C-alpha atoms as a PDB file:
ATOM      1  CA  MET A   1     111.787  51.023  33.006  1.00  0.00           C
ATOM      2  CA  THR A   2     111.747  48.297  30.378  1.00  0.00           C
ATOM      3  CA  HIS A   3     110.621  44.757  31.027  1.00  0.00           C
ATOM      4  CA  VAL A   4     111.666  41.454  29.511  1.00  0.00           C
ATOM      5  CA  TRP A   5     109.699  38.240  29.166  1.00  0.00           C
ATOM      6  CA  ASP A   6     110.980  34.862  30.274  1.00  0.00           C
ATOM      7  CA  THR A   7     109.540  31.474  31.200  1.00  0.00           C
ATOM      8  CA  CYS A   8     109.609  29.894  34.648  1.00  0.00           C
ATOM      9  CA  PRO A   9     111.489  26.573  34.338  1.00  0.00           C
ATOM     10  CA  THR A  10     109.211  24.961  36.945  1.00  0.00           C
ATOM     11  CA  CYS A  11     105.677  25.844  35.838  1.00  0.00           C
ATOM     12  CA  LYS A  12     106.422  27.153  32.307  1.00  0.00           C
ATOM     13  CA  VAL A  13     104.471  30.383  32.934  1.00  0.00           C
ATOM     14  CA  GLN A  14     105.738  33.350  30.963  1.00  0.00           C
ATOM     15  CA  HIS A  15     106.087  36.527  32.982  1.00  0.00           C
ATOM     16  CA  ALA A  16     107.672  39.934  32.707  1.00  0.00           C
ATOM     17  CA  PHE A  17     110.226  41.457  35.057  1.00  0.00           C
ATOM     18  CA  PRO A  18     112.564  44.464  34.905  1.00  0.00           C
ATOM     19  CA  GLN A  19     115.428  44.244  32.424  1.00  0.00           C
ATOM     20  CA  GLU A  20     117.864  45.386  35.132  1.00  0.00           C
ATOM     21  CA  LEU A  21     116.877  42.374  37.258  1.00  0.00           C
ATOM     22  CA  GLN A  22     117.609  40.062  34.322  1.00  0.00           C
ATOM     23  CA  ALA A  23     120.999  41.711  33.697  1.00  0.00           C
ATOM     24  CA  THR A  24     121.960  41.372  37.380  1.00  0.00           C
ATOM     25  CA  ALA A  25     120.747  37.758  37.505  1.00  0.00           C
ATOM     26  CA  LYS A  26     122.770  36.869  34.388  1.00  0.00           C
ATOM     27  CA  LEU A  27     125.886  38.512  35.850  1.00  0.00           C
ATOM     28  CA  ARG A  28     125.586  36.619  39.131  1.00  0.00           C
ATOM     29  CA  ARG A  29     124.674  33.209  37.801  1.00  0.00           C
ATOM     30  CA  GLY A  30     124.258  30.145  39.919  1.00  0.00           C
ATOM     31  CA  SER A  31     122.219  29.183  42.965  1.00  0.00           C
ATOM     32  CA  ASN A  32     124.012  31.784  45.126  1.00  0.00           C
ATOM     33  CA  GLY A  33     123.168  34.606  42.694  1.00  0.00           C
ATOM     34  CA  VAL A  34     120.045  36.693  42.211  1.00  0.00           C
ATOM     35  CA  LYS A  35     116.805  34.731  42.232  1.00  0.00           C
ATOM     36  CA  ILE A  36     113.786  35.597  40.091  1.00  0.00           C
ATOM     37  CA  TYR A  37     110.293  34.678  41.242  1.00  0.00           C
ATOM     38  CA  CYS A  38     107.450  33.812  38.906  1.00  0.00           C
ATOM     39  CA  PRO A  39     103.826  34.845  39.653  1.00  0.00           C
ATOM     40  CA  ASN A  40     103.223  31.357  41.105  1.00  0.00           C
ATOM     41  CA  GLY A  41     106.017  31.842  43.633  1.00  0.00           C
ATOM     42  CA  HIS A  42     108.671  29.581  42.111  1.00  0.00           C
ATOM     43  CA  ALA A  43     112.220  30.842  42.613  1.00  0.00           C
ATOM     44  CA  TRP A  44     114.620  30.330  39.731  1.00  0.00           C
ATOM     45  CA  HIS A  45     117.941  31.649  38.505  1.00  0.00           C
ATOM     46  CA  TYR A  46     120.075  31.659  35.381  1.00  0.00           C
ATOM     47  CA  VAL A  47     122.630  28.863  35.245  1.00  0.00           C
ATOM     48  CA  GLU A  48     126.190  28.836  33.960  1.00  0.00           C
ATOM     49  CA  GLY A  49     126.942  26.868  30.817  1.00  0.00           C
ATOM     50  CA  GLU A  50     124.395  24.633  29.198  1.00  0.00           C
ATOM     51  CA  THR A  51     121.303  23.376  30.890  1.00  0.00           C
ATOM     52  CA  GLU A  52     120.659  19.639  31.167  1.00  0.00           C
ATOM     53  CA  GLU A  53     118.125  19.911  28.341  1.00  0.00           C
ATOM     54  CA  GLN A  54     120.638  21.663  26.059  1.00  0.00           C
ATOM     55  CA  LYS A  55     123.273  19.056  26.878  1.00  0.00           C
ATOM     56  CA  LEU A  56     120.870  16.191  26.088  1.00  0.00           C
ATOM     57  CA  ARG A  57     119.809  17.828  22.810  1.00  0.00           C
ATOM     58  CA  ARG A  58     123.442  18.283  21.791  1.00  0.00           C
ATOM     59  CA  GLU A  59     124.199  14.636  22.619  1.00  0.00           C
ATOM     60  CA  LEU A  60     121.092  13.508  20.707  1.00  0.00           C
ATOM     61  CA  ASN A  61     122.140  15.516  17.652  1.00  0.00           C
ATOM     62  CA  ASN A  62     125.658  14.071  17.847  1.00  0.00           C
ATOM     63  CA  GLN A  63     124.218  10.555  18.066  1.00  0.00           C
ATOM     64  CA  ARG A  64     121.944  11.174  15.070  1.00  0.00           C
ATOM     65  CA  GLN A  65     124.891  12.438  13.032  1.00  0.00           C
ATOM     66  CA  GLN A  66     126.957   9.410  13.995  1.00  0.00           C
ATOM     67  CA  ASN A  67     124.091   7.061  13.057  1.00  0.00           C
ATOM     68  CA  ALA A  68     123.731   8.777   9.674  1.00  0.00           C
ATOM     69  CA  ARG A  69     127.486   8.483   9.073  1.00  0.00           C
ATOM     70  CA  LEU A  70     127.447   4.772   9.956  1.00  0.00           C
ATOM     71  CA  GLU A  71     124.447   4.166   7.670  1.00  0.00           C
ATOM     72  CA  ASP A  72     126.301   5.916   4.824  1.00  0.00           C
ATOM     73  CA  GLU A  73     129.396   3.803   5.428  1.00  0.00           C
ATOM     74  CA  ALA A  74     127.315   0.608   5.492  1.00  0.00           C
ATOM     75  CA  ARG A  75     125.549   1.628   2.257  1.00  0.00           C
ATOM     76  CA  GLU A  76     128.912   2.295   0.587  1.00  0.00           C
ATOM     77  CA  ALA A  77     130.306  -1.035   1.818  1.00  0.00           C
ATOM     78  CA  ARG A  78     127.259  -2.886   0.452  1.00  0.00           C
ATOM     79  CA  ALA A  79     127.653  -1.124  -2.911  1.00  0.00           C
ATOM     80  CA  ALA A  80     131.363  -2.009  -3.055  1.00  0.00           C
ATOM     81  CA  ALA A  81     130.616  -5.645  -2.174  1.00  0.00           C
ATOM     82  CA  GLU A  82     127.912  -5.852  -4.847  1.00  0.00           C
ATOM     83  CA  LYS A  83     130.279  -4.317  -7.414  1.00  0.00           C
ATOM     84  CA  ALA A  84     133.020  -6.826  -6.543  1.00  0.00           C
ATOM     85  CA  GLU A  85     130.515  -9.679  -6.736  1.00  0.00           C
ATOM     86  CA  ARG A  86     129.327  -8.537 -10.177  1.00  0.00           C
ATOM     87  CA  ALA A  87     132.941  -8.318 -11.382  1.00  0.00           C
ATOM     88  CA  ALA A  88     133.671 -11.821 -10.072  1.00  0.00           C
ATOM     89  CA  LYS A  89     130.553 -13.219 -11.780  1.00  0.00           C
ATOM     90  CA  ARG A  90     131.500 -11.527 -15.036  1.00  0.00           C
ATOM     91  CA  LEU A  91     135.033 -12.939 -14.824  1.00  0.00           C
ATOM     92  CA  LYS A  92     133.702 -16.409 -14.055  1.00  0.00           C
ATOM     93  CA  LYS A  93     131.285 -16.309 -17.008  1.00  0.00           C
ATOM     94  CA  ARG A  94     134.029 -15.156 -19.354  1.00  0.00           C
ATOM     95  CA  ALA A  95     136.349 -17.914 -18.129  1.00  0.00           C
ATOM     96  CA  ALA A  96     133.584 -20.488 -18.527  1.00  0.00           C
ATOM     97  CA  ALA A  97     133.099 -19.308 -22.105  1.00  0.00           C
ATOM     98  CA  GLY A  98     136.829 -19.778 -22.770  1.00  0.00           C
ATOM     99  CA  SER A  99     137.921 -16.133 -22.564  1.00  0.00           C
ATOM    100  CA  CYS A 100     141.231 -15.521 -20.801  1.00  0.00           C
ATOM    101  CA  PRO A 101     140.933 -13.056 -17.864  1.00  0.00           C
ATOM    102  CA  CYS A 102     144.464 -11.791 -18.544  1.00  0.00           C
ATOM    103  CA  CYS A 103     144.743 -11.315 -22.291  1.00  0.00           C
ATOM    104  CA  LYS A 104     141.015 -11.337 -23.196  1.00  0.00           C
ATOM    105  CA  ARG A 105     141.485 -13.922 -25.972  1.00  0.00           C
ATOM    106  CA  SER A 106     139.288 -16.993 -26.417  1.00  0.00           C
ATOM    107  CA  PHE A 107     140.662 -20.543 -26.192  1.00  0.00           C
ATOM    108  CA  SER A 108     139.089 -23.948 -26.464  1.00  0.00           C
ATOM    109  CA  ASN A 109     141.416 -25.371 -23.798  1.00  0.00           C
ATOM    110  CA  MET A 110     141.495 -22.569 -21.238  1.00  0.00           C
ATOM    111  CA  ALA A 111     143.226 -24.573 -18.483  1.00  0.00           C
ATOM    112  CA  GLU A 112     146.229 -25.343 -20.693  1.00  0.00           C
ATOM    113  CA  HIS A 113     146.469 -21.740 -21.875  1.00  0.00           C
ATOM    114  CA  MET A 114     146.437 -20.407 -18.303  1.00  0.00           C
ATOM    115  CA  LYS A 115     148.997 -22.975 -17.120  1.00  0.00           C
ATOM    116  CA  HIS A 116     151.469 -22.184 -19.900  1.00  0.00           C
ATOM    117  CA  GLN A 117     150.870 -18.514 -20.680  1.00  0.00           C
ATOM    118  CA  HIS A 118     149.945 -17.086 -17.275  1.00  0.00           C
ATOM    119  CA  PRO A 119     151.489 -19.344 -14.592  1.00  0.00           C
ATOM    120  CA  ASP A 120     151.991 -16.471 -12.129  1.00  0.00           C
ATOM    121  CA  TRP A 121     148.320 -15.534 -12.279  1.00  0.00           C
ATOM    122  CA  VAL A 122     147.250 -19.144 -11.715  1.00  0.00           C
ATOM    123  CA  LYS A 123     149.599 -19.479  -8.713  1.00  0.00           C
ATOM    124  CA  GLU A 124     148.353 -16.183  -7.293  1.00  0.00           C
ATOM    125  CA  GLN A 125     144.720 -17.303  -7.568  1.00  0.00           C
ATOM    126  CA  ARG A 126     145.451 -20.592  -5.807  1.00  0.00           C
ATOM    127  CA  THR A 127     147.187 -18.892  -2.867  1.00  0.00           C
ATOM    128  CA  ALA A 128     144.782 -15.943  -2.536  1.00  0.00           C
ATOM    129  CA  LYS A 129     142.657 -16.067   0.554  1.00  0.00           C
ATOM    130  CA  VAL A 130     139.028 -15.250   0.013  1.00  0.00           C
ATOM    131  CA  VAL A 131     137.582 -13.252   2.873  1.00  0.00           C
ATOM    132  CA  PRO A 132     133.819 -12.915   2.748  1.00  0.00           C
ATOM    133  CA  ILE A 133     132.478  -9.424   3.405  1.00  0.00           C
ATOM    134  CA  ARG A 134     129.556  -9.281   5.769  1.00  0.00           C
ATOM    135  CA  VAL A 135     127.533  -6.111   5.737  1.00  0.00           C
ATOM    136  CA  ALA A 136     124.678  -5.711   8.177  1.00  0.00           C
END
């Protein structure tokens, strides 16, 4: 007769019992099935599906994965916002120095050049709505 070791869920004492008893208890799971008694007298049985502890661990792992995914998305959004801000600053500096954002040429009177050479771009910039990006 071979024995198997298991732990009492109540008192956490490890004890051995016949392998046949374990096989029968696992076949007839649930509170109406075969009960196993630990040396301290606690009755216990194998349960169907996951235990409450397994369920909570699974939920905790899922929550950790979701938190990591959200942190990654926030990090990517911050990087994209910083990149857009750098591009806007660069464009503003170039325009202030007299460099056209469309054709990359320099002009002493930038406003006149933009009005006459790139009227669609000027109109588009006036009607564009600026939506600030807020990243937590």
